[in-house]
Amino acid sequence: MVAPAISFYEDDSTPDDGTVIDAFNPVPFGAVEKGTISDIITIHIWNDKGGDLGSDIATAPRLAAISGVTDMSVIFDGTDINGNVSMLEARSCGAFGTAADQQQDWTPLGPDSMLELGDIPSNCMRVIELRANIPQDADSLTVADFTLIVHV
């Protein structure tokens, strides 16, 4: 078989179409004030979108966020108010072609804090909601760059 082929898309994706999320089309949080929560951004995580590769099931995948920007760790380190956990949060709340996870709780997302997802078969996807939850005691920062990755 073929290793899982994970890809990220905006919430408009279907097996045959959709807008890819990549370095040229990043997840757009915009400005988020201290003491507030951003608007929810919905993305789709596909395994072998379209099914052309016949890939293996992505078994027990975990979603994480990393950054190559050295001062970016502040968003992943959190603050005293939020218990020093990542300000980037996610949950898996829908699917296509497989049973949905239907997670109600938000999971902090960072290099060491991952969101556990249900298996993703070939030509199936998970619906993920992302948000930035910025505590009142956060320093002013700009989320310049982070990368979502799926460990399988």
Protein backbone atom coordinates (compact mmCIF):
# COMPACT_ATOMS: atom_id res chain seq x y z
CA MET A 1 0.00 0.00 0.00
CA VAL A 2 0.86 3.69 -0.04
CA ALA A 3 1.65 5.79 3.05
CA PRO A 4 -1.11 8.23 4.09
CA ALA A 5 -1.13 11.43 2.00
CA ILE A 6 -2.25 14.21 4.35
CA SER A 7 -3.32 17.61 2.99
CA PHE A 8 -4.99 20.71 4.43
CA TYR A 9 -7.88 22.59 2.81
CA GLU A 10 -10.25 25.45 3.58
CA ASP A 11 -13.77 24.51 4.61
CA ASP A 12 -14.96 24.56 0.99
CA SER A 13 -13.36 21.25 0.04
CA THR A 14 -14.99 18.19 -1.51
CA PRO A 15 -13.27 15.05 -2.87
CA ASP A 16 -12.95 16.75 -6.26
CA ASP A 17 -12.39 20.40 -5.38
CA GLY A 18 -11.32 22.88 -2.71
CA THR A 19 -8.88 25.61 -1.74
CA VAL A 20 -5.59 24.29 -0.40
CA ILE A 21 -4.03 25.75 2.76
CA ASP A 22 -0.29 26.22 2.34
CA ALA A 23 2.47 28.84 2.62
CA PHE A 24 0.75 30.92 -0.07
CA ASN A 25 -2.72 30.61 1.50
CA PRO A 26 -2.24 30.43 5.30
CA VAL A 27 -4.84 30.15 8.07
CA PRO A 28 -6.01 33.79 8.51
CA PHE A 29 -6.55 34.65 12.19
CA GLY A 30 -6.13 38.40 11.79
CA ALA A 31 -5.87 40.62 14.86
CA VAL A 32 -7.00 39.18 18.20
CA GLU A 33 -7.14 41.46 21.24
CA LYS A 34 -5.83 40.40 24.66
CA GLY A 35 -8.56 38.84 26.79
CA THR A 36 -10.57 37.64 23.76
CA ILE A 37 -11.02 34.59 21.59
CA SER A 38 -10.66 34.78 17.82
CA ASP A 39 -13.32 33.81 15.35
CA ILE A 40 -13.33 30.06 14.69
CA ILE A 41 -11.58 29.02 11.50
CA THR A 42 -12.70 25.72 10.00
CA ILE A 43 -10.28 23.61 7.98
CA HIS A 44 -10.38 20.15 6.43
CA ILE A 45 -7.63 17.55 6.85
CA TRP A 46 -7.74 14.99 4.03
CA ASN A 47 -5.99 11.68 3.55
CA ASP A 48 -5.42 10.96 -0.15
CA LYS A 49 -7.96 13.56 -1.29
CA GLY A 50 -9.75 12.14 -4.33
CA GLY A 51 -8.50 8.62 -3.54
CA ASP A 52 -6.15 8.46 -6.53
CA LEU A 53 -3.24 7.00 -4.55
CA GLY A 54 -5.16 4.29 -2.70
CA SER A 55 -3.28 5.24 0.47
CA ASP A 56 -3.27 3.41 3.77
CA ILE A 57 -5.54 4.58 6.59
CA ALA A 58 -3.99 7.37 8.65
CA THR A 59 -4.22 5.50 11.96
CA ALA A 60 -4.51 7.47 15.22
CA PRO A 61 -3.35 10.76 13.64
CA ARG A 62 -2.41 13.66 15.93
CA LEU A 63 -2.53 17.33 14.91
CA ALA A 64 0.25 19.64 16.16
CA ALA A 65 1.47 23.16 15.42
CA ILE A 66 5.10 24.18 15.05
CA SER A 67 6.94 27.34 14.08
CA GLY A 68 10.29 28.15 12.58
CA VAL A 69 10.10 31.69 13.98
CA THR A 70 12.25 31.84 17.13
CA ASP A 71 10.06 34.32 19.05
CA MET A 72 6.90 32.43 18.12
CA SER A 73 7.08 30.10 21.12
CA VAL A 74 5.25 32.72 23.20
CA ILE A 75 1.91 31.60 21.70
CA PHE A 76 2.73 27.97 22.50
CA ASP A 77 4.05 28.76 26.03
CA GLY A 78 0.89 30.49 27.21
CA THR A 79 0.64 32.71 30.31
CA ASP A 80 -0.05 32.43 34.04
CA ILE A 81 -3.77 33.10 33.50
CA ASN A 82 -4.24 30.20 31.06
CA GLY A 83 -2.03 27.77 32.98
CA ASN A 84 0.92 28.12 30.60
CA VAL A 85 -0.67 26.21 27.74
CA SER A 86 -0.77 27.12 24.06
CA MET A 87 -3.09 29.95 23.03
CA LEU A 88 -3.79 28.13 19.75
CA GLU A 89 -6.66 25.66 20.24
CA ALA A 90 -8.36 23.04 18.08
CA ARG A 91 -11.09 20.42 18.07
CA SER A 92 -12.29 17.82 15.57
CA CYS A 93 -16.02 18.18 15.03
CA GLY A 94 -17.00 16.62 11.71
CA ALA A 95 -15.91 14.33 8.89
CA PHE A 96 -16.52 13.16 5.34
CA GLY A 97 -16.47 9.45 4.48
CA THR A 98 -15.86 8.32 8.07
CA ALA A 99 -17.47 8.75 11.49
CA ALA A 100 -17.00 12.24 12.98
CA ASP A 101 -15.06 12.77 16.21
CA GLN A 102 -17.63 15.32 17.51
CA GLN A 103 -15.22 16.79 20.07
CA GLN A 104 -16.80 19.46 22.28
CA ASP A 105 -13.70 20.50 24.23
CA TRP A 106 -10.85 22.62 22.89
CA THR A 107 -7.30 21.20 22.99
CA PRO A 108 -4.27 23.52 23.19
CA LEU A 109 -2.16 22.98 20.07
CA GLY A 110 1.61 23.28 19.91
CA PRO A 111 4.76 21.28 19.23
CA ASP A 112 4.21 19.13 22.34
CA SER A 113 0.44 19.45 22.74
CA MET A 114 -1.44 17.53 20.08
CA LEU A 115 -5.07 16.96 19.15
CA GLU A 116 -5.87 13.27 18.81
CA LEU A 117 -8.02 12.52 15.76
CA GLY A 118 -9.96 9.48 14.65
CA ASP A 119 -8.52 7.38 11.82
CA ILE A 120 -8.68 8.94 8.36
CA PRO A 121 -9.18 6.41 5.53
CA SER A 122 -8.20 7.17 1.93
CA ASN A 123 -10.41 9.88 0.32
CA CYS A 124 -11.82 10.89 3.71
CA MET A 125 -11.39 13.99 5.83
CA ARG A 126 -11.74 15.44 9.30
CA VAL A 127 -13.32 18.83 9.99
CA ILE A 128 -11.13 20.82 12.37
CA GLU A 129 -12.01 24.07 14.11
CA LEU A 130 -9.13 26.36 15.15
CA ARG A 131 -9.14 29.43 17.35
CA ALA A 132 -6.71 31.70 19.20
CA ASN A 133 -7.61 32.13 22.88
CA ILE A 134 -5.52 35.11 24.05
CA PRO A 135 -5.42 35.66 27.85
CA GLN A 136 -5.57 39.16 29.34
CA ASP A 137 -1.97 38.88 30.61
CA ALA A 138 -0.52 38.01 27.20
CA ASP A 139 2.25 40.18 25.83
CA SER A 140 1.53 41.92 22.56
CA LEU A 141 2.56 39.56 19.84
CA THR A 142 2.11 38.90 16.20
CA VAL A 143 1.42 35.37 15.09
CA ALA A 144 3.62 35.58 12.06
CA ASP A 145 3.98 31.97 11.09
CA PHE A 146 3.00 28.52 12.28
CA THR A 147 2.69 25.23 10.49
CA LEU A 148 0.08 22.56 11.13
CA ILE A 149 1.40 19.01 10.95
CA VAL A 150 -0.24 15.60 11.33
CA HIS A 151 1.70 12.79 12.97
CA VAL A 152 0.60 9.34 11.78
